[in-house]
Amino acid sequence: MDHNHVHYILSVTKSAVISKKKKTMEESRSYRRERKQAKKKKTGRGSGSGFGSIQMEMRRLRVLIPGGRRLNQPDLLLSKTTDYVVHLELRIRFLKTLLSKLIV
């Protein structure tokens, strides 16, 4: 591979990493802003046991689940969450199996 090609690939990769970090920072800023606004509004009765706390948990799920930010309907978000949990469990099982094969 040509030196220029390697340089180009490294610069593209570096810019992709930087843009991903920027996006993550912006998402975390918006998440903190939403959280701050939710605290100010404080809907529901009692100590956080109302509808506002459910909305807060849904926001947290949207941040954690890949593609969750686009989902506004709770049933779709919960369905996507269960699929993601199953995916993670299968991934863990696969990695454990792979590790056990490497150790033996």
PDB file of N, CA and C in Angstrom:
ATOM      1  N   MET A   1       0.835  -1.172   0.000  1.00  0.00           N
ATOM      2  CA  MET A   1       0.000   0.000   0.000  1.00  0.00           C
ATOM      3  C   MET A   1       0.883   1.240   0.000  1.00  0.00           C
ATOM      4  N   ASP A   2       0.508   2.195  -0.775  1.00  0.00           N
ATOM      5  CA  ASP A   2       1.231   3.450  -0.918  1.00  0.00           C
ATOM      6  C   ASP A   2       1.184   4.249   0.388  1.00  0.00           C
ATOM      7  N   HIS A   3       2.248   4.988   0.656  1.00  0.00           N
ATOM      8  CA  HIS A   3       2.328   5.807   1.879  1.00  0.00           C
ATOM      9  C   HIS A   3       1.194   6.826   1.929  1.00  0.00           C
ATOM     10  N   ASN A   4       0.839   7.396   0.781  1.00  0.00           N
ATOM     11  CA  ASN A   4      -0.259   8.367   0.730  1.00  0.00           C
ATOM     12  C   ASN A   4      -1.598   7.721   1.089  1.00  0.00           C
ATOM     13  N   HIS A   5      -1.783   6.485   0.646  1.00  0.00           N
ATOM     14  CA  HIS A   5      -3.022   5.774   0.970  1.00  0.00           C
ATOM     15  C   HIS A   5      -3.144   5.543   2.477  1.00  0.00           C
ATOM     16  N   VAL A   6      -2.043   5.148   3.081  1.00  0.00           N
ATOM     17  CA  VAL A   6      -2.036   4.910   4.527  1.00  0.00           C
ATOM     18  C   VAL A   6      -2.342   6.203   5.259  1.00  0.00           C
ATOM     19  N   HIS A   7      -1.714   7.290   4.812  1.00  0.00           N
ATOM     20  CA  HIS A   7      -1.951   8.598   5.416  1.00  0.00           C
ATOM     21  C   HIS A   7      -3.427   8.992   5.298  1.00  0.00           C
ATOM     22  N   TYR A   8      -3.990   8.762   4.115  1.00  0.00           N
ATOM     23  CA  TYR A   8      -5.389   9.103   3.883  1.00  0.00           C
ATOM     24  C   TYR A   8      -6.312   8.285   4.795  1.00  0.00           C
ATOM     25  N   ILE A   9      -6.067   6.985   4.887  1.00  0.00           N
ATOM     26  CA  ILE A   9      -6.891   6.107   5.722  1.00  0.00           C
ATOM     27  C   ILE A   9      -6.810   6.532   7.181  1.00  0.00           C
ATOM     28  N   LEU A  10      -5.601   6.853   7.644  1.00  0.00           N
ATOM     29  CA  LEU A  10      -5.437   7.299   9.027  1.00  0.00           C
ATOM     30  C   LEU A  10      -6.166   8.606   9.285  1.00  0.00           C
ATOM     31  N   SER A  11      -6.117   9.541   8.337  1.00  0.00           N
ATOM     32  CA  SER A  11      -6.789  10.827   8.541  1.00  0.00           C
ATOM     33  C   SER A  11      -8.306  10.653   8.537  1.00  0.00           C
ATOM     34  N   VAL A  12      -8.822   9.791   7.666  1.00  0.00           N
ATOM     35  CA  VAL A  12     -10.264   9.539   7.631  1.00  0.00           C
ATOM     36  C   VAL A  12     -10.714   8.868   8.927  1.00  0.00           C
ATOM     37  N   THR A  13      -9.938   7.895   9.395  1.00  0.00           N
ATOM     38  CA  THR A  13     -10.264   7.208  10.638  1.00  0.00           C
ATOM     39  C   THR A  13     -10.235   8.176  11.809  1.00  0.00           C
ATOM     40  N   LYS A  14      -9.200   9.019  11.840  1.00  0.00           N
ATOM     41  CA  LYS A  14      -9.076  10.000  12.926  1.00  0.00           C
ATOM     42  C   LYS A  14     -10.254  10.960  12.924  1.00  0.00           C
ATOM     43  N   SER A  15     -10.654  11.448  11.750  1.00  0.00           N
ATOM     44  CA  SER A  15     -11.782  12.385  11.685  1.00  0.00           C
ATOM     45  C   SER A  15     -13.081  11.692  12.081  1.00  0.00           C
ATOM     46  N   ALA A  16     -13.222  10.409  11.753  1.00  0.00           N
ATOM     47  CA  ALA A  16     -14.421   9.668  12.151  1.00  0.00           C
ATOM     48  C   ALA A  16     -14.476   9.513  13.662  1.00  0.00           C
ATOM     49  N   VAL A  17     -13.339   9.241  14.271  1.00  0.00           N
ATOM     50  CA  VAL A  17     -13.286   9.101  15.732  1.00  0.00           C
ATOM     51  C   VAL A  17     -13.609  10.431  16.400  1.00  0.00           C
ATOM     52  N   ILE A  18     -13.056  11.522  15.878  1.00  0.00           N
ATOM     53  CA  ILE A  18     -13.310  12.843  16.452  1.00  0.00           C
ATOM     54  C   ILE A  18     -14.783  13.198  16.322  1.00  0.00           C
ATOM     55  N   SER A  19     -15.386  12.941  15.154  1.00  0.00           N
ATOM     56  CA  SER A  19     -16.805  13.273  14.986  1.00  0.00           C
ATOM     57  C   SER A  19     -17.681  12.410  15.891  1.00  0.00           C
ATOM     58  N   LYS A  20     -17.286  11.161  16.127  1.00  0.00           N
ATOM     59  CA  LYS A  20     -18.041  10.283  17.036  1.00  0.00           C
ATOM     60  C   LYS A  20     -17.966  10.823  18.457  1.00  0.00           C
ATOM     61  N   LYS A  21     -16.771  11.290  18.873  1.00  0.00           N
ATOM     62  CA  LYS A  21     -16.618  11.863  20.208  1.00  0.00           C
ATOM     63  C   LYS A  21     -17.454  13.120  20.348  1.00  0.00           C
ATOM     64  N   LYS A  22     -17.452  13.972  19.306  1.00  0.00           N
ATOM     65  CA  LYS A  22     -18.263  15.187  19.349  1.00  0.00           C
ATOM     66  C   LYS A  22     -19.740  14.849  19.491  1.00  0.00           C
ATOM     67  N   LYS A  23     -20.187  13.870  18.723  1.00  0.00           N
ATOM     68  CA  LYS A  23     -21.591  13.468  18.767  1.00  0.00           C
ATOM     69  C   LYS A  23     -21.958  12.955  20.157  1.00  0.00           C
ATOM     70  N   THR A  24     -21.076  12.156  20.747  1.00  0.00           N
ATOM     71  CA  THR A  24     -21.320  11.631  22.089  1.00  0.00           C
ATOM     72  C   THR A  24     -21.394  12.759  23.101  1.00  0.00           C
ATOM     73  N   MET A  25     -20.494  13.743  22.974  1.00  0.00           N
ATOM     74  CA  MET A  25     -20.519  14.879  23.888  1.00  0.00           C
ATOM     75  C   MET A  25     -21.811  15.671  23.738  1.00  0.00           C
ATOM     76  N   GLU A  26     -22.245  15.895  22.494  1.00  0.00           N
ATOM     77  CA  GLU A  26     -23.476  16.638  22.267  1.00  0.00           C
ATOM     78  C   GLU A  26     -24.673  15.888  22.831  1.00  0.00           C
ATOM     79  N   GLU A  27     -24.672  14.556  22.644  1.00  0.00           N
ATOM     80  CA  GLU A  27     -25.766  13.759  23.180  1.00  0.00           C
ATOM     81  C   GLU A  27     -25.796  13.833  24.700  1.00  0.00           C
ATOM     82  N   SER A  28     -24.626  13.780  25.319  1.00  0.00           N
ATOM     83  CA  SER A  28     -24.603  13.828  26.772  1.00  0.00           C
ATOM     84  C   SER A  28     -25.019  15.203  27.271  1.00  0.00           C
ATOM     85  N   ARG A  29     -24.657  16.259  26.524  1.00  0.00           N
ATOM     86  CA  ARG A  29     -25.104  17.599  26.901  1.00  0.00           C
ATOM     87  C   ARG A  29     -26.614  17.704  26.808  1.00  0.00           C
ATOM     88  N   SER A  30     -27.179  17.195  25.707  1.00  0.00           N
ATOM     89  CA  SER A  30     -28.627  17.273  25.548  1.00  0.00           C
ATOM     90  C   SER A  30     -29.331  16.418  26.598  1.00  0.00           C
ATOM     91  N   TYR A  31     -28.729  15.290  26.945  1.00  0.00           N
ATOM     92  CA  TYR A  31     -29.316  14.439  27.977  1.00  0.00           C
ATOM     93  C   TYR A  31     -29.325  15.171  29.317  1.00  0.00           C
ATOM     94  N   ARG A  32     -28.199  15.823  29.641  1.00  0.00           N
ATOM     95  CA  ARG A  32     -28.139  16.571  30.904  1.00  0.00           C
ATOM     96  C   ARG A  32     -29.148  17.719  30.896  1.00  0.00           C
ATOM     97  N   ARG A  33     -29.291  18.388  29.753  1.00  0.00           N
ATOM     98  CA  ARG A  33     -30.247  19.485  29.637  1.00  0.00           C
ATOM     99  C   ARG A  33     -31.674  18.977  29.846  1.00  0.00           C
ATOM    100  N   GLU A  34     -32.004  17.845  29.216  1.00  0.00           N
ATOM    101  CA  GLU A  34     -33.341  17.257  29.386  1.00  0.00           C
ATOM    102  C   GLU A  34     -33.579  16.879  30.839  1.00  0.00           C
ATOM    103  N   ARG A  35     -32.552  16.324  31.458  1.00  0.00           N
ATOM    104  CA  ARG A  35     -32.672  15.913  32.853  1.00  0.00           C
ATOM    105  C   ARG A  35     -32.909  17.115  33.756  1.00  0.00           C
ATOM    106  N   LYS A  36     -32.180  18.195  33.487  1.00  0.00           N
ATOM    107  CA  LYS A  36     -32.335  19.408  34.271  1.00  0.00           C
ATOM    108  C   LYS A  36     -33.744  19.969  34.101  1.00  0.00           C
ATOM    109  N   GLN A  37     -34.257  19.960  32.865  1.00  0.00           N
ATOM    110  CA  GLN A  37     -35.604  20.461  32.612  1.00  0.00           C
ATOM    111  C   GLN A  37     -36.652  19.579  33.278  1.00  0.00           C
ATOM    112  N   ALA A  38     -36.433  18.275  33.281  1.00  0.00           N
ATOM    113  CA  ALA A  38     -37.376  17.359  33.916  1.00  0.00           C
ATOM    114  C   ALA A  38     -37.429  17.602  35.421  1.00  0.00           C
ATOM    115  N   LYS A  39     -36.282  17.913  36.021  1.00  0.00           N
ATOM    116  CA  LYS A  39     -36.257  18.207  37.454  1.00  0.00           C
ATOM    117  C   LYS A  39     -37.020  19.484  37.757  1.00  0.00           C
ATOM    118  N   LYS A  40     -36.907  20.483  36.870  1.00  0.00           N
ATOM    119  CA  LYS A  40     -37.600  21.747  37.081  1.00  0.00           C
ATOM    120  C   LYS A  40     -39.110  21.561  36.982  1.00  0.00           C
ATOM    121  N   LYS A  41     -39.559  20.775  35.993  1.00  0.00           N
ATOM    122  CA  LYS A  41     -41.000  20.587  35.783  1.00  0.00           C
ATOM    123  C   LYS A  41     -41.629  19.766  36.902  1.00  0.00           C
ATOM    124  N   LYS A  42     -40.969  18.690  37.283  1.00  0.00           N
ATOM    125  CA  LYS A  42     -41.386  17.803  38.374  1.00  0.00           C
ATOM    126  C   LYS A  42     -42.888  17.536  38.350  1.00  0.00           C
ATOM    127  N   THR A  43     -43.313  16.736  37.386  1.00  0.00           N
ATOM    128  CA  THR A  43     -44.714  16.351  37.332  1.00  0.00           C
ATOM    129  C   THR A  43     -44.934  15.123  38.191  1.00  0.00           C
ATOM    130  N   GLY A  44     -46.159  14.856  38.531  1.00  0.00           N
ATOM    131  CA  GLY A  44     -46.480  13.687  39.346  1.00  0.00           C
ATOM    132  C   GLY A  44     -46.688  14.058  40.795  1.00  0.00           C
ATOM    133  N   ARG A  45     -47.084  13.061  41.576  1.00  0.00           N
ATOM    134  CA  ARG A  45     -47.356  13.294  42.992  1.00  0.00           C
ATOM    135  C   ARG A  45     -46.334  12.555  43.837  1.00  0.00           C
ATOM    136  N   GLY A  46     -46.057  13.093  44.970  1.00  0.00           N
ATOM    137  CA  GLY A  46     -45.146  12.415  45.888  1.00  0.00           C
ATOM    138  C   GLY A  46     -43.702  12.588  45.489  1.00  0.00           C
ATOM    139  N   SER A  47     -42.888  11.673  45.928  1.00  0.00           N
ATOM    140  CA  SER A  47     -41.440  11.803  45.716  1.00  0.00           C
ATOM    141  C   SER A  47     -41.003  11.070  44.454  1.00  0.00           C
ATOM    142  N   GLY A  48     -41.291  11.660  43.288  1.00  0.00           N
ATOM    143  CA  GLY A  48     -40.801  11.108  42.029  1.00  0.00           C
ATOM    144  C   GLY A  48     -41.470   9.817  41.588  1.00  0.00           C
ATOM    145  N   SER A  49     -42.663   9.544  42.064  1.00  0.00           N
ATOM    146  CA  SER A  49     -43.303   8.282  41.693  1.00  0.00           C
ATOM    147  C   SER A  49     -44.330   8.477  40.591  1.00  0.00           C
ATOM    148  N   GLY A  50     -44.340   9.634  39.945  1.00  0.00           N
ATOM    149  CA  GLY A  50     -45.365   9.922  38.955  1.00  0.00           C
ATOM    150  C   GLY A  50     -44.905   9.698  37.542  1.00  0.00           C
ATOM    151  N   PHE A  51     -45.647  10.312  36.637  1.00  0.00           N
ATOM    152  CA  PHE A  51     -45.414  10.163  35.209  1.00  0.00           C
ATOM    153  C   PHE A  51     -44.054  10.719  34.806  1.00  0.00           C
ATOM    154  N   GLY A  52     -43.592  11.766  35.488  1.00  0.00           N
ATOM    155  CA  GLY A  52     -42.299  12.369  35.169  1.00  0.00           C
ATOM    156  C   GLY A  52     -41.140  11.408  35.330  1.00  0.00           C
ATOM    157  N   SER A  53     -41.206  10.567  36.360  1.00  0.00           N
ATOM    158  CA  SER A  53     -40.108   9.621  36.560  1.00  0.00           C
ATOM    159  C   SER A  53     -40.110   8.534  35.485  1.00  0.00           C
ATOM    160  N   ILE A  54     -41.289   8.178  35.002  1.00  0.00           N
ATOM    161  CA  ILE A  54     -41.368   7.201  33.908  1.00  0.00           C
ATOM    162  C   ILE A  54     -40.752   7.797  32.651  1.00  0.00           C
ATOM    163  N   GLN A  55     -41.062   9.059  32.389  1.00  0.00           N
ATOM    164  CA  GLN A  55     -40.471   9.719  31.226  1.00  0.00           C
ATOM    165  C   GLN A  55     -38.951   9.773  31.344  1.00  0.00           C
ATOM    166  N   MET A  56     -38.464  10.007  32.538  1.00  0.00           N
ATOM    167  CA  MET A  56     -37.019  10.069  32.764  1.00  0.00           C
ATOM    168  C   MET A  56     -36.372   8.713  32.460  1.00  0.00           C
ATOM    169  N   GLU A  57     -37.021   7.646  32.908  1.00  0.00           N
ATOM    170  CA  GLU A  57     -36.484   6.304  32.633  1.00  0.00           C
ATOM    171  C   GLU A  57     -36.516   5.997  31.138  1.00  0.00           C
ATOM    172  N   MET A  58     -37.552   6.456  30.454  1.00  0.00           N
ATOM    173  CA  MET A  58     -37.628   6.246  29.006  1.00  0.00           C
ATOM    174  C   MET A  58     -36.493   7.008  28.305  1.00  0.00           C
ATOM    175  N   ARG A  59     -36.191   8.195  28.780  1.00  0.00           N
ATOM    176  CA  ARG A  59     -35.069   8.960  28.201  1.00  0.00           C
ATOM    177  C   ARG A  59     -33.758   8.208  28.400  1.00  0.00           C
ATOM    178  N   ARG A  60     -33.593   7.653  29.593  1.00  0.00           N
ATOM    179  CA  ARG A  60     -32.363   6.897  29.860  1.00  0.00           C
ATOM    180  C   ARG A  60     -32.245   5.704  28.924  1.00  0.00           C
ATOM    181  N   LEU A  61     -33.360   5.014  28.705  1.00  0.00           N
ATOM    182  CA  LEU A  61     -33.349   3.875  27.781  1.00  0.00           C
ATOM    183  C   LEU A  61     -32.995   4.327  26.375  1.00  0.00           C
ATOM    184  N   ARG A  62     -33.555   5.450  25.942  1.00  0.00           N
ATOM    185  CA  ARG A  62     -33.264   5.949  24.598  1.00  0.00           C
ATOM    186  C   ARG A  62     -31.779   6.187  24.408  1.00  0.00           C
ATOM    187  N   VAL A  63     -31.105   6.635  25.461  1.00  0.00           N
ATOM    188  CA  VAL A  63     -29.666   6.898  25.367  1.00  0.00           C
ATOM    189  C   VAL A  63     -28.882   5.592  25.319  1.00  0.00           C
ATOM    190  N   LEU A  64     -29.311   4.590  26.075  1.00  0.00           N
ATOM    191  CA  LEU A  64     -28.562   3.342  26.183  1.00  0.00           C
ATOM    192  C   LEU A  64     -28.732   2.409  24.992  1.00  0.00           C
ATOM    193  N   ILE A  65     -29.925   2.360  24.428  1.00  0.00           N
ATOM    194  CA  ILE A  65     -30.230   1.401  23.369  1.00  0.00           C
ATOM    195  C   ILE A  65     -29.837   1.974  22.012  1.00  0.00           C
ATOM    196  N   PRO A  66     -29.073   1.229  21.210  1.00  0.00           N
ATOM    197  CA  PRO A  66     -28.717   1.715  19.870  1.00  0.00           C
ATOM    198  C   PRO A  66     -29.970   1.952  19.030  1.00  0.00           C
ATOM    199  N   GLY A  67     -30.078   3.135  18.456  1.00  0.00           N
ATOM    200  CA  GLY A  67     -31.243   3.499  17.654  1.00  0.00           C
ATOM    201  C   GLY A  67     -32.438   3.915  18.489  1.00  0.00           C
ATOM    202  N   GLY A  68     -32.265   4.003  19.786  1.00  0.00           N
ATOM    203  CA  GLY A  68     -33.386   4.335  20.674  1.00  0.00           C
ATOM    204  C   GLY A  68     -33.822   5.782  20.611  1.00  0.00           C
ATOM    205  N   ARG A  69     -32.932   6.668  20.203  1.00  0.00           N
ATOM    206  CA  ARG A  69     -33.274   8.092  20.151  1.00  0.00           C
ATOM    207  C   ARG A  69     -34.388   8.374  19.146  1.00  0.00           C
ATOM    208  N   ARG A  70     -34.501   7.529  18.145  1.00  0.00           N
ATOM    209  CA  ARG A  70     -35.530   7.750  17.128  1.00  0.00           C
ATOM    210  C   ARG A  70     -36.892   7.225  17.559  1.00  0.00           C
ATOM    211  N   LEU A  71     -36.928   6.411  18.601  1.00  0.00           N
ATOM    212  CA  LEU A  71     -38.178   5.780  19.009  1.00  0.00           C
ATOM    213  C   LEU A  71     -38.913   6.630  20.035  1.00  0.00           C
ATOM    214  N   ASN A  72     -40.104   7.086  19.667  1.00  0.00           N
ATOM    215  CA  ASN A  72     -40.899   7.905  20.570  1.00  0.00           C
ATOM    216  C   ASN A  72     -42.027   7.114  21.223  1.00  0.00           C
ATOM    217  N   GLN A  73     -42.329   5.948  20.673  1.00  0.00           N
ATOM    218  CA  GLN A  73     -43.408   5.140  21.233  1.00  0.00           C
ATOM    219  C   GLN A  73     -42.833   4.172  22.259  1.00  0.00           C
ATOM    220  N   PRO A  74     -43.391   4.171  23.478  1.00  0.00           N
ATOM    221  CA  PRO A  74     -42.845   3.322  24.547  1.00  0.00           C
ATOM    222  C   PRO A  74     -42.837   1.833  24.207  1.00  0.00           C
ATOM    223  N   ASP A  75     -43.864   1.331  23.530  1.00  0.00           N
ATOM    224  CA  ASP A  75     -43.896  -0.099  23.224  1.00  0.00           C
ATOM    225  C   ASP A  75     -42.782  -0.493  22.269  1.00  0.00           C
ATOM    226  N   LEU A  76     -42.483   0.363  21.291  1.00  0.00           N
ATOM    227  CA  LEU A  76     -41.380   0.066  20.372  1.00  0.00           C
ATOM    228  C   LEU A  76     -40.037   0.142  21.080  1.00  0.00           C
ATOM    229  N   LEU A  77     -39.895   1.119  21.974  1.00  0.00           N
ATOM    230  CA  LEU A  77     -38.646   1.249  22.723  1.00  0.00           C
ATOM    231  C   LEU A  77     -38.418   0.040  23.618  1.00  0.00           C
ATOM    232  N   LEU A  78     -39.463  -0.432  24.280  1.00  0.00           N
ATOM    233  CA  LEU A  78     -39.320  -1.610  25.143  1.00  0.00           C
ATOM    234  C   LEU A  78     -39.028  -2.868  24.331  1.00  0.00           C
ATOM    235  N   SER A  79     -39.654  -2.976  23.170  1.00  0.00           N
ATOM    236  CA  SER A  79     -39.382  -4.111  22.290  1.00  0.00           C
ATOM    237  C   SER A  79     -37.926  -4.098  21.831  1.00  0.00           C
ATOM    238  N   LYS A  80     -37.444  -2.924  21.433  1.00  0.00           N
ATOM    239  CA  LYS A  80     -36.054  -2.783  21.006  1.00  0.00           C
ATOM    240  C   LYS A  80     -35.097  -3.088  22.172  1.00  0.00           C
ATOM    241  N   THR A  81     -35.505  -2.704  23.380  1.00  0.00           N
ATOM    242  CA  THR A  81     -34.684  -2.968  24.561  1.00  0.00           C
ATOM    243  C   THR A  81     -34.552  -4.460  24.813  1.00  0.00           C
ATOM    244  N   THR A  82     -35.670  -5.190  24.743  1.00  0.00           N
ATOM    245  CA  THR A  82     -35.599  -6.638  24.968  1.00  0.00           C
ATOM    246  C   THR A  82     -34.748  -7.313  23.896  1.00  0.00           C
ATOM    247  N   ASP A  83     -34.882  -6.867  22.644  1.00  0.00           N
ATOM    248  CA  ASP A  83     -34.049  -7.424  21.580  1.00  0.00           C
ATOM    249  C   ASP A  83     -32.571  -7.174  21.852  1.00  0.00           C
ATOM    250  N   TYR A  84     -32.256  -5.990  22.331  1.00  0.00           N
ATOM    251  CA  TYR A  84     -30.862  -5.638  22.609  1.00  0.00           C
ATOM    252  C   TYR A  84     -30.307  -6.454  23.775  1.00  0.00           C
ATOM    253  N   VAL A  85     -31.117  -6.687  24.794  1.00  0.00           N
ATOM    254  CA  VAL A  85     -30.677  -7.494  25.934  1.00  0.00           C
ATOM    255  C   VAL A  85     -30.397  -8.928  25.482  1.00  0.00           C
ATOM    256  N   VAL A  86     -31.270  -9.478  24.654  1.00  0.00           N
ATOM    257  CA  VAL A  86     -31.052 -10.837  24.127  1.00  0.00           C
ATOM    258  C   VAL A  86     -29.764 -10.866  23.295  1.00  0.00           C
ATOM    259  N   HIS A  87     -29.563  -9.827  22.475  1.00  0.00           N
ATOM    260  CA  HIS A  87     -28.344  -9.737  21.664  1.00  0.00           C
ATOM    261  C   HIS A  87     -27.105  -9.735  22.562  1.00  0.00           C
ATOM    262  N   LEU A  88     -27.131  -8.954  23.632  1.00  0.00           N
ATOM    263  CA  LEU A  88     -25.981  -8.889  24.537  1.00  0.00           C
ATOM    264  C   LEU A  88     -25.745 -10.230  25.238  1.00  0.00           C
ATOM    265  N   GLU A  89     -26.824 -10.892  25.634  1.00  0.00           N
ATOM    266  CA  GLU A  89     -26.669 -12.202  26.280  1.00  0.00           C
ATOM    267  C   GLU A  89     -26.032 -13.212  25.331  1.00  0.00           C
ATOM    268  N   LEU A  90     -26.475 -13.213  24.081  1.00  0.00           N
ATOM    269  CA  LEU A  90     -25.886 -14.122  23.095  1.00  0.00           C
ATOM    270  C   LEU A  90     -24.413 -13.791  22.847  1.00  0.00           C
ATOM    271  N   ARG A  91     -24.112 -12.517  22.830  1.00  0.00           N
ATOM    272  CA  ARG A  91     -22.729 -12.091  22.631  1.00  0.00           C
ATOM    273  C   ARG A  91     -21.836 -12.556  23.776  1.00  0.00           C
ATOM    274  N   ILE A  92     -22.341 -12.439  24.999  1.00  0.00           N
ATOM    275  CA  ILE A  92     -21.588 -12.901  26.166  1.00  0.00           C
ATOM    276  C   ILE A  92     -21.369 -14.403  26.096  1.00  0.00           C
ATOM    277  N   ARG A  93     -22.421 -15.137  25.742  1.00  0.00           N
ATOM    278  CA  ARG A  93     -22.304 -16.592  25.640  1.00  0.00           C
ATOM    279  C   ARG A  93     -21.267 -16.977  24.586  1.00  0.00           C
ATOM    280  N   PHE A  94     -21.296 -16.284  23.448  1.00  0.00           N
ATOM    281  CA  PHE A  94     -20.332 -16.549  22.380  1.00  0.00           C
ATOM    282  C   PHE A  94     -18.899 -16.278  22.850  1.00  0.00           C
ATOM    283  N   LEU A  95     -18.695 -15.134  23.500  1.00  0.00           N
ATOM    284  CA  LEU A  95     -17.345 -14.781  23.958  1.00  0.00           C
ATOM    285  C   LEU A  95     -16.834 -15.748  25.025  1.00  0.00           C
ATOM    286  N   LYS A  96     -17.737 -16.206  25.920  1.00  0.00           N
ATOM    287  CA  LYS A  96     -17.332 -17.193  26.914  1.00  0.00           C
ATOM    288  C   LYS A  96     -16.902 -18.497  26.249  1.00  0.00           C
ATOM    289  N   THR A  97     -17.659 -18.916  25.250  1.00  0.00           N
ATOM    290  CA  THR A  97     -17.319 -20.147  24.526  1.00  0.00           C
ATOM    291  C   THR A  97     -15.983 -19.984  23.811  1.00  0.00           C
ATOM    292  N   LEU A  98     -15.807 -18.867  23.170  1.00  0.00           N
ATOM    293  CA  LEU A  98     -14.562 -18.600  22.468  1.00  0.00           C
ATOM    294  C   LEU A  98     -13.386 -18.584  23.430  1.00  0.00           C
ATOM    295  N   LEU A  99     -13.555 -17.977  24.571  1.00  0.00           N
ATOM    296  CA  LEU A  99     -12.499 -17.914  25.577  1.00  0.00           C
ATOM    297  C   LEU A  99     -12.160 -19.302  26.108  1.00  0.00           C
ATOM    298  N   SER A 100     -13.187 -20.112  26.348  1.00  0.00           N
ATOM    299  CA  SER A 100     -12.938 -21.470  26.861  1.00  0.00           C
ATOM    300  C   SER A 100     -12.178 -22.314  25.825  1.00  0.00           C
ATOM    301  N   LYS A 101     -12.423 -22.095  24.549  1.00  0.00           N
ATOM    302  CA  LYS A 101     -11.710 -22.824  23.492  1.00  0.00           C
ATOM    303  C   LYS A 101     -10.254 -22.384  23.409  1.00  0.00           C
ATOM    304  N   LEU A 102     -10.015 -21.098  23.663  1.00  0.00           N
ATOM    305  CA  LEU A 102      -8.645 -20.587  23.592  1.00  0.00           C
ATOM    306  C   LEU A 102      -7.811 -21.040  24.782  1.00  0.00           C
ATOM    307  N   ILE A 103      -8.443 -21.172  25.945  1.00  0.00           N
ATOM    308  CA  ILE A 103      -7.713 -21.548  27.160  1.00  0.00           C
ATOM    309  C   ILE A 103      -7.309 -23.012  27.125  1.00  0.00           C
ATOM    310  N   VAL A 104      -8.148 -23.883  26.587  1.00  0.00           N
ATOM    311  CA  VAL A 104      -7.883 -25.327  26.559  1.00  0.00           C
ATOM    312  C   VAL A 104      -6.830 -25.676  25.589  1.00  0.00           C
TER     313      VAL A 104
END
